[in-house]
Amino acid sequence: MTLSIESRDVPFACPPPEALSGKSLQQLSYRMRVFELVLKELGDAAGRSFVDLGAGPLMFAQRARDNGYTVTAVDARPPWTGSDPEGIVHILADIRTFPLHGFDVIGIIGLLYHLRLEEQIDLLRRCEGRPTIVDTEVWCPDLVKEMGLESPRIRPCSELGYSGAMLQETGNVWSSFGNEESFWLDEPGLLHAVEEAGWNSVTLMEPPYFSRFGRRRWYLLQ
């Protein structure tokens, strides 16, 4: 079956590239607002469960909880605050082996691009059949060059027939757990991986937005 690709317009502006120094609060605010829009695409949350994979500081897990979901947050590192927020079950586990059965909606937010390509493909296959929200870096070499964002940590390459770039991870709390390098798919490659994993449709939140490495985008897989 051919993957159905739709678009949804984000009704507010994304932060300009010059606003992205460090961990931009403008970008975080934008991401949270888009996440809210995607949750609304899924309808009433009553009685539904949400799992946030690679949950980090639990910001998106808390937003899903506030929208009415029963939330489980999974991360290989302990909670950044040292405690679990009320109403969220935090599980210390590697998302690459964490079982996903029993969850109604899955969040892969700021995670996919911290995995090796084969790990990304495996995760997408394991999520198939449930609405899955993805927020990820998207390799876009022309934009990277235009914005002067070339980095010695990133080298363009191809793997398993997919084009993208290999990123050298830093080892800090924002980086991959267990991987020294991760693979960033370009958008055609990402959509192909989604299709190969068995998904029927994907909604692209338009437009993509800027990161310190070029381009990111929100996707809703169904």
N, C-alpha and C. Protein backbone atom coordinates (compact mmCIF):
# COMPACT_ATOMS: atom_id res chain seq x y z
N MET A 1 0.84 -1.19 0.00
CA MET A 1 0.00 0.00 0.00
C MET A 1 0.88 1.25 0.00
N THR A 2 0.54 2.22 -0.84
CA THR A 2 1.29 3.46 -0.91
C THR A 2 1.00 4.33 0.31
N LEU A 3 2.04 4.91 0.85
CA LEU A 3 1.89 5.78 2.01
C LEU A 3 1.13 7.04 1.63
N SER A 4 0.06 7.34 2.38
CA SER A 4 -0.70 8.57 2.17
C SER A 4 -0.03 9.70 2.96
N ILE A 5 0.30 10.79 2.27
CA ILE A 5 0.99 11.92 2.90
C ILE A 5 0.08 13.14 2.88
N GLU A 6 -0.24 13.67 4.07
CA GLU A 6 -1.05 14.87 4.19
C GLU A 6 -0.26 15.94 4.93
N SER A 7 -0.77 17.16 4.89
CA SER A 7 -0.13 18.27 5.57
C SER A 7 -1.13 19.00 6.46
N ARG A 8 -0.65 19.53 7.57
CA ARG A 8 -1.43 20.40 8.44
C ARG A 8 -0.61 21.66 8.69
N ASP A 9 -1.22 22.81 8.50
CA ASP A 9 -0.51 24.07 8.71
C ASP A 9 -0.47 24.42 10.20
N VAL A 10 0.69 24.81 10.67
CA VAL A 10 0.84 25.33 12.03
C VAL A 10 0.47 26.81 12.00
N PRO A 11 -0.52 27.24 12.80
CA PRO A 11 -1.05 28.60 12.68
C PRO A 11 -0.27 29.66 13.44
N PHE A 12 1.00 29.41 13.71
CA PHE A 12 1.84 30.42 14.34
C PHE A 12 3.26 30.25 13.82
N ALA A 13 4.05 31.30 13.90
CA ALA A 13 5.37 31.33 13.28
C ALA A 13 6.39 30.56 14.12
N CYS A 14 7.30 29.88 13.42
CA CYS A 14 8.40 29.23 14.11
C CYS A 14 9.51 30.25 14.38
N PRO A 15 10.34 30.01 15.39
CA PRO A 15 11.41 30.96 15.70
C PRO A 15 12.38 31.09 14.53
N PRO A 16 12.90 32.28 14.26
CA PRO A 16 13.88 32.46 13.20
C PRO A 16 15.21 31.82 13.59
N PRO A 17 16.06 31.51 12.61
CA PRO A 17 17.34 30.86 12.91
C PRO A 17 18.19 31.63 13.91
N GLU A 18 18.14 32.96 13.86
CA GLU A 18 18.99 33.76 14.75
C GLU A 18 18.56 33.67 16.21
N ALA A 19 17.40 33.05 16.47
CA ALA A 19 16.92 32.92 17.86
C ALA A 19 17.37 31.61 18.50
N LEU A 20 18.22 30.84 17.82
CA LEU A 20 18.50 29.48 18.26
C LEU A 20 19.83 29.32 18.97
N SER A 21 20.33 30.32 19.61
CA SER A 21 21.57 30.18 20.37
C SER A 21 21.30 29.34 21.61
N GLY A 22 22.19 28.34 21.85
CA GLY A 22 22.00 27.48 23.00
C GLY A 22 20.71 26.69 22.90
N LYS A 23 20.12 26.36 24.06
CA LYS A 23 18.82 25.68 24.11
C LYS A 23 17.73 26.75 24.11
N SER A 24 17.23 27.07 22.94
CA SER A 24 16.34 28.21 22.76
C SER A 24 15.00 28.00 23.44
N LEU A 25 14.62 28.93 24.32
CA LEU A 25 13.30 28.88 24.93
C LEU A 25 12.21 29.16 23.91
N GLN A 26 12.52 29.98 22.90
CA GLN A 26 11.55 30.22 21.84
C GLN A 26 11.24 28.94 21.08
N GLN A 27 12.29 28.17 20.80
CA GLN A 27 12.07 26.92 20.09
C GLN A 27 11.29 25.93 20.95
N LEU A 28 11.62 25.85 22.24
CA LEU A 28 10.90 24.94 23.13
C LEU A 28 9.43 25.31 23.20
N SER A 29 9.13 26.59 23.34
CA SER A 29 7.73 27.04 23.37
C SER A 29 7.01 26.65 22.09
N TYR A 30 7.67 26.83 20.96
CA TYR A 30 7.08 26.47 19.67
C TYR A 30 6.80 24.97 19.62
N ARG A 31 7.75 24.17 20.05
CA ARG A 31 7.59 22.72 20.01
C ARG A 31 6.42 22.28 20.89
N MET A 32 6.29 22.87 22.06
CA MET A 32 5.20 22.50 22.95
C MET A 32 3.85 22.85 22.34
N ARG A 33 3.78 23.97 21.67
CA ARG A 33 2.51 24.39 21.05
C ARG A 33 2.15 23.48 19.88
N VAL A 34 3.15 23.08 19.09
CA VAL A 34 2.86 22.16 17.98
C VAL A 34 2.45 20.80 18.53
N PHE A 35 3.09 20.35 19.59
CA PHE A 35 2.70 19.09 20.22
C PHE A 35 1.23 19.12 20.63
N GLU A 36 0.79 20.23 21.18
CA GLU A 36 -0.62 20.39 21.54
C GLU A 36 -1.52 20.23 20.31
N LEU A 37 -1.11 20.82 19.19
CA LEU A 37 -1.90 20.70 17.96
C LEU A 37 -2.00 19.25 17.51
N VAL A 38 -0.88 18.53 17.59
CA VAL A 38 -0.89 17.13 17.16
C VAL A 38 -1.77 16.30 18.08
N LEU A 39 -1.71 16.55 19.38
CA LEU A 39 -2.60 15.83 20.30
C LEU A 39 -4.06 16.07 19.96
N LYS A 40 -4.39 17.28 19.58
CA LYS A 40 -5.78 17.59 19.21
C LYS A 40 -6.21 16.82 17.96
N GLU A 41 -5.26 16.55 17.06
CA GLU A 41 -5.57 15.75 15.87
C GLU A 41 -6.07 14.36 16.25
N LEU A 42 -5.68 13.89 17.43
CA LEU A 42 -6.01 12.53 17.86
C LEU A 42 -7.32 12.44 18.62
N GLY A 43 -7.97 13.57 18.88
CA GLY A 43 -9.28 13.54 19.52
C GLY A 43 -9.20 13.36 21.03
N ASP A 44 -10.30 12.91 21.60
CA ASP A 44 -10.46 12.81 23.05
C ASP A 44 -9.45 11.84 23.65
N ALA A 45 -8.75 12.27 24.70
CA ALA A 45 -7.73 11.43 25.34
C ALA A 45 -8.31 10.54 26.43
N ALA A 46 -9.55 10.73 26.80
CA ALA A 46 -10.13 10.00 27.94
C ALA A 46 -9.99 8.49 27.75
N GLY A 47 -9.42 7.83 28.76
CA GLY A 47 -9.28 6.39 28.73
C GLY A 47 -8.14 5.88 27.87
N ARG A 48 -7.31 6.78 27.34
CA ARG A 48 -6.22 6.36 26.44
C ARG A 48 -4.87 6.55 27.13
N SER A 49 -3.93 5.68 26.75
CA SER A 49 -2.59 5.74 27.34
C SER A 49 -1.60 6.30 26.34
N PHE A 50 -0.59 6.99 26.86
CA PHE A 50 0.46 7.62 26.05
C PHE A 50 1.80 7.22 26.64
N VAL A 51 2.72 6.76 25.79
CA VAL A 51 4.07 6.47 26.25
C VAL A 51 5.03 7.42 25.55
N ASP A 52 5.85 8.09 26.35
CA ASP A 52 6.85 9.04 25.85
C ASP A 52 8.20 8.35 25.90
N LEU A 53 8.74 8.04 24.72
CA LEU A 53 10.01 7.31 24.63
C LEU A 53 11.18 8.29 24.58
N GLY A 54 12.19 8.05 25.41
CA GLY A 54 13.29 8.99 25.51
C GLY A 54 12.80 10.29 26.11
N ALA A 55 12.10 10.19 27.24
CA ALA A 55 11.30 11.30 27.76
C ALA A 55 12.11 12.45 28.33
N GLY A 56 13.40 12.22 28.65
CA GLY A 56 14.25 13.31 29.11
C GLY A 56 13.67 14.04 30.32
N PRO A 57 13.53 15.37 30.23
CA PRO A 57 13.03 16.16 31.37
C PRO A 57 11.51 16.10 31.56
N LEU A 58 10.82 15.26 30.80
CA LEU A 58 9.39 14.97 30.99
C LEU A 58 8.45 16.12 30.62
N MET A 59 8.92 17.08 29.88
CA MET A 59 8.06 18.21 29.53
C MET A 59 6.89 17.78 28.66
N PHE A 60 7.15 16.92 27.67
CA PHE A 60 6.08 16.49 26.78
C PHE A 60 5.19 15.45 27.48
N ALA A 61 5.78 14.63 28.33
CA ALA A 61 4.99 13.69 29.12
C ALA A 61 3.98 14.43 29.99
N GLN A 62 4.43 15.51 30.62
CA GLN A 62 3.52 16.29 31.46
C GLN A 62 2.42 16.96 30.64
N ARG A 63 2.77 17.41 29.44
CA ARG A 63 1.75 18.03 28.59
C ARG A 63 0.71 17.00 28.15
N ALA A 64 1.15 15.78 27.84
CA ALA A 64 0.20 14.72 27.49
C ALA A 64 -0.70 14.39 28.67
N ARG A 65 -0.11 14.33 29.87
CA ARG A 65 -0.91 14.10 31.09
C ARG A 65 -1.96 15.20 31.26
N ASP A 66 -1.54 16.44 31.07
CA ASP A 66 -2.46 17.57 31.25
C ASP A 66 -3.59 17.55 30.21
N ASN A 67 -3.36 16.86 29.09
CA ASN A 67 -4.39 16.74 28.07
C ASN A 67 -5.30 15.53 28.29
N GLY A 68 -5.09 14.80 29.38
CA GLY A 68 -6.01 13.74 29.74
C GLY A 68 -5.53 12.32 29.54
N TYR A 69 -4.30 12.13 29.06
CA TYR A 69 -3.77 10.79 28.85
C TYR A 69 -3.24 10.19 30.15
N THR A 70 -3.29 8.87 30.23
CA THR A 70 -2.55 8.14 31.24
C THR A 70 -1.14 7.95 30.70
N VAL A 71 -0.14 8.50 31.37
CA VAL A 71 1.18 8.66 30.76
C VAL A 71 2.24 7.79 31.43
N THR A 72 3.02 7.12 30.57
CA THR A 72 4.24 6.43 30.98
C THR A 72 5.41 7.10 30.27
N ALA A 73 6.44 7.44 31.02
CA ALA A 73 7.64 8.05 30.46
C ALA A 73 8.80 7.07 30.58
N VAL A 74 9.49 6.84 29.46
CA VAL A 74 10.57 5.86 29.44
C VAL A 74 11.87 6.56 29.05
N ASP A 75 12.90 6.35 29.83
CA ASP A 75 14.21 6.92 29.49
C ASP A 75 15.29 6.04 30.12
N ALA A 76 16.44 5.98 29.46
CA ALA A 76 17.55 5.19 29.98
C ALA A 76 18.27 5.89 31.12
N ARG A 77 17.97 7.18 31.30
CA ARG A 77 18.58 7.95 32.37
C ARG A 77 17.52 8.28 33.43
N PRO A 78 17.94 8.47 34.70
CA PRO A 78 16.97 8.81 35.76
C PRO A 78 16.28 10.14 35.47
N PRO A 79 15.13 10.39 36.12
CA PRO A 79 14.44 11.67 35.93
C PRO A 79 15.38 12.85 36.20
N TRP A 80 15.35 13.83 35.30
CA TRP A 80 16.27 14.95 35.42
C TRP A 80 16.03 15.75 36.69
N THR A 81 14.80 15.75 37.17
CA THR A 81 14.46 16.52 38.37
C THR A 81 14.72 15.74 39.65
N GLY A 82 15.05 14.45 39.51
CA GLY A 82 15.27 13.61 40.67
C GLY A 82 14.01 12.99 41.24
N SER A 83 12.85 13.34 40.69
CA SER A 83 11.59 12.77 41.16
C SER A 83 10.60 12.70 40.01
N ASP A 84 9.58 11.87 40.18
CA ASP A 84 8.56 11.72 39.15
C ASP A 84 7.44 12.73 39.36
N PRO A 85 7.04 13.47 38.33
CA PRO A 85 5.87 14.35 38.46
C PRO A 85 4.62 13.54 38.76
N GLU A 86 3.70 14.15 39.46
CA GLU A 86 2.45 13.48 39.80
C GLU A 86 1.71 13.05 38.53
N GLY A 87 1.19 11.83 38.56
CA GLY A 87 0.38 11.36 37.45
C GLY A 87 1.17 10.78 36.29
N ILE A 88 2.48 10.62 36.44
CA ILE A 88 3.31 10.04 35.38
C ILE A 88 4.10 8.87 35.94
N VAL A 89 4.03 7.73 35.27
CA VAL A 89 4.84 6.57 35.64
C VAL A 89 6.15 6.67 34.87
N HIS A 90 7.26 6.77 35.59
CA HIS A 90 8.57 6.88 34.94
C HIS A 90 9.27 5.53 35.03
N ILE A 91 9.71 5.02 33.88
CA ILE A 91 10.39 3.72 33.84
C ILE A 91 11.80 3.92 33.31
N LEU A 92 12.77 3.43 34.06
CA LEU A 92 14.17 3.50 33.65
C LEU A 92 14.46 2.29 32.77
N ALA A 93 14.58 2.52 31.46
CA ALA A 93 14.75 1.42 30.52
C ALA A 93 15.30 1.94 29.20
N ASP A 94 15.92 1.07 28.44
CA ASP A 94 16.41 1.39 27.11
C ASP A 94 15.24 1.25 26.13
N ILE A 95 14.90 2.31 25.43
CA ILE A 95 13.73 2.27 24.55
C ILE A 95 13.91 1.26 23.42
N ARG A 96 15.15 0.87 23.13
CA ARG A 96 15.38 -0.07 22.03
C ARG A 96 14.86 -1.46 22.34
N THR A 97 14.68 -1.77 23.62
CA THR A 97 14.18 -3.08 24.01
C THR A 97 12.90 -3.00 24.84
N PHE A 98 12.41 -1.80 25.09
CA PHE A 98 11.22 -1.64 25.92
C PHE A 98 9.98 -2.10 25.16
N PRO A 99 9.15 -2.98 25.75
CA PRO A 99 7.94 -3.47 25.06
C PRO A 99 6.89 -2.38 24.93
N LEU A 100 6.28 -2.29 23.75
CA LEU A 100 5.34 -1.21 23.46
C LEU A 100 3.89 -1.66 23.40
N HIS A 101 3.62 -2.94 23.64
CA HIS A 101 2.23 -3.39 23.60
C HIS A 101 1.45 -2.78 24.76
N GLY A 102 0.19 -2.48 24.50
CA GLY A 102 -0.68 -1.95 25.54
C GLY A 102 -0.81 -0.45 25.57
N PHE A 103 -0.01 0.27 24.76
CA PHE A 103 -0.11 1.72 24.72
C PHE A 103 -0.94 2.16 23.51
N ASP A 104 -1.76 3.18 23.71
CA ASP A 104 -2.64 3.65 22.64
C ASP A 104 -1.97 4.66 21.72
N VAL A 105 -1.12 5.52 22.27
CA VAL A 105 -0.42 6.56 21.50
C VAL A 105 1.04 6.55 21.93
N ILE A 106 1.94 6.71 20.96
CA ILE A 106 3.38 6.67 21.24
C ILE A 106 4.01 7.99 20.84
N GLY A 107 4.89 8.49 21.69
CA GLY A 107 5.65 9.70 21.39
C GLY A 107 7.12 9.39 21.18
N ILE A 108 7.65 9.79 20.02
CA ILE A 108 9.09 9.68 19.73
C ILE A 108 9.56 11.11 19.49
N ILE A 109 9.77 11.82 20.57
CA ILE A 109 9.97 13.27 20.50
C ILE A 109 11.43 13.60 20.80
N GLY A 110 12.14 14.10 19.80
CA GLY A 110 13.55 14.41 19.98
C GLY A 110 14.40 13.18 20.24
N LEU A 111 14.02 12.06 19.67
CA LEU A 111 14.69 10.78 19.95
C LEU A 111 15.23 10.09 18.71
N LEU A 112 14.43 10.05 17.64
CA LEU A 112 14.74 9.18 16.51
C LEU A 112 16.15 9.41 15.98
N TYR A 113 16.56 10.66 15.89
CA TYR A 113 17.86 10.99 15.30
C TYR A 113 19.03 10.69 16.24
N HIS A 114 18.75 10.21 17.45
CA HIS A 114 19.82 9.78 18.35
C HIS A 114 20.05 8.27 18.26
N LEU A 115 19.39 7.61 17.30
CA LEU A 115 19.52 6.17 17.12
C LEU A 115 20.29 5.85 15.85
N ARG A 116 20.86 4.66 15.80
CA ARG A 116 21.43 4.15 14.55
C ARG A 116 20.27 3.87 13.59
N LEU A 117 20.58 3.81 12.31
CA LEU A 117 19.52 3.64 11.31
C LEU A 117 18.72 2.37 11.55
N GLU A 118 19.40 1.25 11.79
CA GLU A 118 18.68 0.00 11.99
C GLU A 118 17.81 0.06 13.24
N GLU A 119 18.23 0.81 14.24
CA GLU A 119 17.42 0.97 15.45
C GLU A 119 16.18 1.82 15.18
N GLN A 120 16.31 2.83 14.33
CA GLN A 120 15.16 3.65 13.95
C GLN A 120 14.12 2.81 13.21
N ILE A 121 14.58 2.02 12.26
CA ILE A 121 13.67 1.18 11.48
C ILE A 121 12.95 0.19 12.38
N ASP A 122 13.69 -0.43 13.29
CA ASP A 122 13.09 -1.38 14.22
C ASP A 122 12.04 -0.71 15.10
N LEU A 123 12.35 0.49 15.61
CA LEU A 123 11.40 1.19 16.47
C LEU A 123 10.13 1.56 15.71
N LEU A 124 10.27 2.06 14.49
CA LEU A 124 9.10 2.41 13.68
C LEU A 124 8.22 1.19 13.43
N ARG A 125 8.83 0.05 13.22
CA ARG A 125 8.06 -1.18 13.01
C ARG A 125 7.33 -1.60 14.28
N ARG A 126 7.98 -1.45 15.42
CA ARG A 126 7.35 -1.85 16.68
C ARG A 126 6.21 -0.93 17.08
N CYS A 127 6.25 0.31 16.60
CA CYS A 127 5.17 1.27 16.92
C CYS A 127 3.97 1.11 16.00
N GLU A 128 4.13 0.49 14.87
CA GLU A 128 3.09 0.44 13.83
C GLU A 128 1.78 -0.09 14.40
N GLY A 129 0.68 0.56 13.96
CA GLY A 129 -0.64 0.17 14.41
C GLY A 129 -1.23 1.10 15.45
N ARG A 130 -0.42 1.97 16.04
CA ARG A 130 -0.87 2.96 17.01
C ARG A 130 -0.47 4.34 16.52
N PRO A 131 -1.28 5.37 16.72
CA PRO A 131 -0.84 6.72 16.38
C PRO A 131 0.50 7.02 17.06
N THR A 132 1.44 7.51 16.28
CA THR A 132 2.79 7.78 16.80
C THR A 132 3.20 9.19 16.41
N ILE A 133 3.61 9.97 17.40
CA ILE A 133 4.02 11.36 17.19
C ILE A 133 5.54 11.42 17.15
N VAL A 134 6.07 11.96 16.06
CA VAL A 134 7.52 12.04 15.87
C VAL A 134 7.93 13.50 15.71
N ASP A 135 8.93 13.89 16.46
CA ASP A 135 9.59 15.20 16.28
C ASP A 135 11.07 14.89 16.10
N THR A 136 11.65 15.27 14.96
CA THR A 136 13.01 14.83 14.70
C THR A 136 13.78 15.81 13.83
N GLU A 137 15.11 15.74 13.95
CA GLU A 137 15.98 16.43 13.01
C GLU A 137 15.83 15.76 11.64
N VAL A 138 15.85 16.55 10.59
CA VAL A 138 15.75 16.04 9.22
C VAL A 138 16.96 16.58 8.44
N TRP A 139 17.78 15.68 7.95
CA TRP A 139 19.00 16.10 7.26
C TRP A 139 18.65 16.83 5.96
N CYS A 140 19.14 18.03 5.84
CA CYS A 140 18.85 18.88 4.68
C CYS A 140 20.13 19.62 4.31
N PRO A 141 21.02 19.01 3.52
CA PRO A 141 22.34 19.58 3.27
C PRO A 141 22.32 20.95 2.63
N ASP A 142 21.37 21.20 1.74
CA ASP A 142 21.31 22.51 1.09
C ASP A 142 21.04 23.61 2.11
N LEU A 143 20.10 23.34 3.03
CA LEU A 143 19.78 24.33 4.06
C LEU A 143 20.96 24.53 5.01
N VAL A 144 21.61 23.43 5.37
CA VAL A 144 22.77 23.51 6.26
C VAL A 144 23.85 24.40 5.65
N LYS A 145 24.10 24.21 4.36
CA LYS A 145 25.11 25.02 3.68
C LYS A 145 24.67 26.48 3.59
N GLU A 146 23.40 26.69 3.24
CA GLU A 146 22.88 28.06 3.09
C GLU A 146 22.96 28.83 4.40
N MET A 147 22.71 28.14 5.52
CA MET A 147 22.70 28.80 6.83
C MET A 147 24.07 28.83 7.50
N GLY A 148 25.07 28.22 6.84
CA GLY A 148 26.40 28.19 7.43
C GLY A 148 26.49 27.34 8.68
N LEU A 149 25.76 26.21 8.70
CA LEU A 149 25.68 25.38 9.89
C LEU A 149 26.51 24.10 9.80
N GLU A 150 27.44 24.04 8.84
CA GLU A 150 28.28 22.86 8.73
C GLU A 150 29.00 22.60 10.06
N SER A 151 29.12 21.34 10.42
CA SER A 151 29.76 20.97 11.68
C SER A 151 30.68 19.77 11.44
N PRO A 152 31.86 19.75 12.08
CA PRO A 152 32.74 18.59 11.94
C PRO A 152 32.15 17.34 12.56
N ARG A 153 31.09 17.49 13.35
CA ARG A 153 30.44 16.33 13.97
C ARG A 153 29.52 15.61 12.99
N ILE A 154 29.21 16.20 11.86
CA ILE A 154 28.25 15.63 10.92
C ILE A 154 28.91 15.37 9.58
N ARG A 155 28.72 14.16 9.05
CA ARG A 155 29.24 13.86 7.72
C ARG A 155 28.14 13.19 6.88
N PRO A 156 27.87 13.70 5.69
CA PRO A 156 26.87 13.08 4.81
C PRO A 156 27.28 11.65 4.47
N CYS A 157 26.30 10.77 4.39
CA CYS A 157 26.58 9.38 4.05
C CYS A 157 25.28 8.67 3.69
N SER A 158 25.40 7.43 3.25
CA SER A 158 24.25 6.57 2.97
C SER A 158 24.42 5.25 3.70
N GLU A 159 23.31 4.70 4.16
CA GLU A 159 23.31 3.40 4.82
C GLU A 159 22.08 2.62 4.38
N LEU A 160 22.27 1.36 4.04
CA LEU A 160 21.15 0.47 3.72
C LEU A 160 20.24 1.06 2.64
N GLY A 161 20.81 1.87 1.75
CA GLY A 161 20.03 2.49 0.69
C GLY A 161 19.34 3.78 1.10
N TYR A 162 19.53 4.24 2.33
CA TYR A 162 18.95 5.49 2.81
C TYR A 162 20.02 6.57 2.83
N SER A 163 19.65 7.76 2.38
CA SER A 163 20.60 8.87 2.41
C SER A 163 20.36 9.74 3.63
N GLY A 164 21.44 10.33 4.12
CA GLY A 164 21.35 11.18 5.29
C GLY A 164 22.72 11.60 5.74
N ALA A 165 22.93 11.61 7.05
CA ALA A 165 24.21 12.02 7.60
C ALA A 165 24.46 11.28 8.91
N MET A 166 25.74 11.07 9.21
CA MET A 166 26.14 10.46 10.47
C MET A 166 26.57 11.56 11.42
N LEU A 167 26.04 11.51 12.63
CA LEU A 167 26.36 12.51 13.65
C LEU A 167 27.21 11.88 14.75
N GLN A 168 28.27 12.56 15.13
CA GLN A 168 29.05 12.15 16.29
C GLN A 168 28.38 12.68 17.54
N GLU A 169 27.94 11.77 18.42
CA GLU A 169 27.25 12.16 19.64
C GLU A 169 28.25 12.71 20.67
N THR A 170 27.75 13.52 21.60
CA THR A 170 28.62 14.19 22.57
C THR A 170 28.78 13.43 23.88
N GLY A 171 27.80 12.58 24.21
CA GLY A 171 27.84 11.88 25.49
C GLY A 171 27.21 12.64 26.64
N ASN A 172 26.68 13.86 26.37
CA ASN A 172 26.03 14.61 27.45
C ASN A 172 24.58 14.15 27.63
N VAL A 173 23.85 14.79 28.55
CA VAL A 173 22.50 14.32 28.87
C VAL A 173 21.52 14.50 27.71
N TRP A 174 21.85 15.37 26.75
CA TRP A 174 20.97 15.58 25.61
C TRP A 174 21.26 14.60 24.47
N SER A 175 22.30 13.80 24.61
CA SER A 175 22.77 12.98 23.49
C SER A 175 22.22 11.56 23.58
N SER A 176 22.65 10.75 22.63
CA SER A 176 22.23 9.36 22.58
C SER A 176 22.71 8.59 23.80
N PHE A 177 21.93 7.61 24.21
CA PHE A 177 22.35 6.70 25.27
C PHE A 177 22.92 5.45 24.61
N GLY A 178 24.23 5.26 24.73
CA GLY A 178 24.84 4.03 24.23
C GLY A 178 25.36 4.08 22.81
N ASN A 179 25.09 5.13 22.06
CA ASN A 179 25.59 5.24 20.69
C ASN A 179 26.62 6.36 20.60
N GLU A 180 27.77 6.06 20.04
CA GLU A 180 28.76 7.10 19.79
C GLU A 180 28.41 7.90 18.54
N GLU A 181 27.66 7.27 17.62
CA GLU A 181 27.20 7.94 16.41
C GLU A 181 25.73 7.61 16.19
N SER A 182 25.03 8.51 15.52
CA SER A 182 23.63 8.28 15.16
C SER A 182 23.41 8.73 13.73
N PHE A 183 22.29 8.26 13.13
CA PHE A 183 22.04 8.53 11.71
C PHE A 183 20.86 9.48 11.57
N TRP A 184 21.07 10.53 10.78
CA TRP A 184 20.00 11.49 10.50
C TRP A 184 19.48 11.27 9.08
N LEU A 185 18.24 10.82 8.97
CA LEU A 185 17.63 10.62 7.66
C LEU A 185 17.25 11.95 7.03
N ASP A 186 17.34 12.02 5.70
CA ASP A 186 16.71 13.14 5.01
C ASP A 186 15.21 12.83 4.90
N GLU A 187 14.41 13.79 4.46
CA GLU A 187 12.96 13.56 4.50
C GLU A 187 12.50 12.45 3.57
N PRO A 188 12.99 12.35 2.32
CA PRO A 188 12.57 11.21 1.51
C PRO A 188 12.91 9.87 2.17
N GLY A 189 14.08 9.81 2.80
CA GLY A 189 14.48 8.58 3.47
C GLY A 189 13.60 8.28 4.67
N LEU A 190 13.25 9.29 5.43
CA LEU A 190 12.39 9.10 6.59
C LEU A 190 11.01 8.61 6.18
N LEU A 191 10.44 9.22 5.15
CA LEU A 191 9.12 8.80 4.69
C LEU A 191 9.17 7.38 4.12
N HIS A 192 10.27 7.04 3.46
CA HIS A 192 10.43 5.67 2.95
C HIS A 192 10.51 4.67 4.10
N ALA A 193 11.25 5.03 5.15
CA ALA A 193 11.35 4.14 6.31
C ALA A 193 9.99 3.95 6.97
N VAL A 194 9.21 5.01 7.05
CA VAL A 194 7.86 4.93 7.62
C VAL A 194 6.99 3.98 6.79
N GLU A 195 7.07 4.13 5.47
CA GLU A 195 6.28 3.27 4.59
C GLU A 195 6.72 1.81 4.71
N GLU A 196 8.02 1.58 4.73
CA GLU A 196 8.54 0.22 4.83
C GLU A 196 8.17 -0.43 6.16
N ALA A 197 7.97 0.40 7.19
CA ALA A 197 7.60 -0.13 8.51
C ALA A 197 6.13 -0.51 8.59
N GLY A 198 5.34 -0.22 7.54
CA GLY A 198 3.96 -0.67 7.49
C GLY A 198 2.90 0.37 7.76
N TRP A 199 3.30 1.64 7.86
CA TRP A 199 2.33 2.69 8.13
C TRP A 199 1.49 3.01 6.91
N ASN A 200 0.24 3.42 7.15
CA ASN A 200 -0.67 3.78 6.06
C ASN A 200 -0.63 5.26 5.72
N SER A 201 -0.46 6.11 6.74
CA SER A 201 -0.52 7.55 6.48
C SER A 201 0.42 8.31 7.40
N VAL A 202 0.85 9.47 6.92
CA VAL A 202 1.67 10.36 7.72
C VAL A 202 1.18 11.79 7.49
N THR A 203 1.06 12.54 8.56
CA THR A 203 0.71 13.95 8.47
C THR A 203 1.95 14.77 8.79
N LEU A 204 2.31 15.67 7.88
CA LEU A 204 3.44 16.56 8.06
C LEU A 204 2.94 17.88 8.62
N MET A 205 3.48 18.30 9.73
CA MET A 205 3.14 19.61 10.28
C MET A 205 3.98 20.65 9.55
N GLU A 206 3.30 21.55 8.84
CA GLU A 206 3.98 22.54 8.00
C GLU A 206 3.97 23.92 8.65
N PRO A 207 5.04 24.66 8.51
CA PRO A 207 6.28 24.27 7.84
C PRO A 207 7.20 23.52 8.80
N PRO A 208 8.29 22.92 8.28
CA PRO A 208 9.33 22.45 9.19
C PRO A 208 9.92 23.65 9.93
N TYR A 209 10.65 23.39 10.98
CA TYR A 209 11.21 24.52 11.73
C TYR A 209 12.73 24.37 11.84
N PHE A 210 13.37 25.41 12.34
CA PHE A 210 14.83 25.45 12.35
C PHE A 210 15.41 24.87 13.64
N SER A 211 16.59 24.29 13.51
CA SER A 211 17.38 23.89 14.67
C SER A 211 18.80 24.41 14.47
N ARG A 212 19.66 24.17 15.45
CA ARG A 212 21.05 24.59 15.32
C ARG A 212 21.80 23.78 14.27
N PHE A 213 21.16 22.70 13.79
CA PHE A 213 21.78 21.85 12.77
C PHE A 213 21.05 21.92 11.44
N GLY A 214 20.03 22.77 11.33
CA GLY A 214 19.32 22.90 10.07
C GLY A 214 17.81 22.82 10.21
N ARG A 215 17.26 21.62 10.03
CA ARG A 215 15.80 21.47 9.92
C ARG A 215 15.29 20.39 10.86
N ARG A 216 14.11 20.67 11.44
CA ARG A 216 13.35 19.68 12.20
C ARG A 216 11.91 19.70 11.70
N ARG A 217 11.19 18.61 12.01
CA ARG A 217 9.77 18.59 11.67
C ARG A 217 9.01 17.66 12.61
N TRP A 218 7.72 17.99 12.79
CA TRP A 218 6.78 17.12 13.49
C TRP A 218 6.02 16.28 12.46
N TYR A 219 5.81 15.01 12.82
CA TYR A 219 5.05 14.07 11.99
C TYR A 219 4.04 13.34 12.88
N LEU A 220 2.89 13.02 12.31
CA LEU A 220 1.92 12.15 12.96
C LEU A 220 1.74 10.93 12.08
N LEU A 221 2.14 9.77 12.60
CA LEU A 221 2.02 8.51 11.86
C LEU A 221 0.76 7.79 12.32
N GLN A 222 -0.02 7.30 11.33
CA GLN A 222 -1.25 6.58 11.66
C GLN A 222 -1.44 5.42 10.69
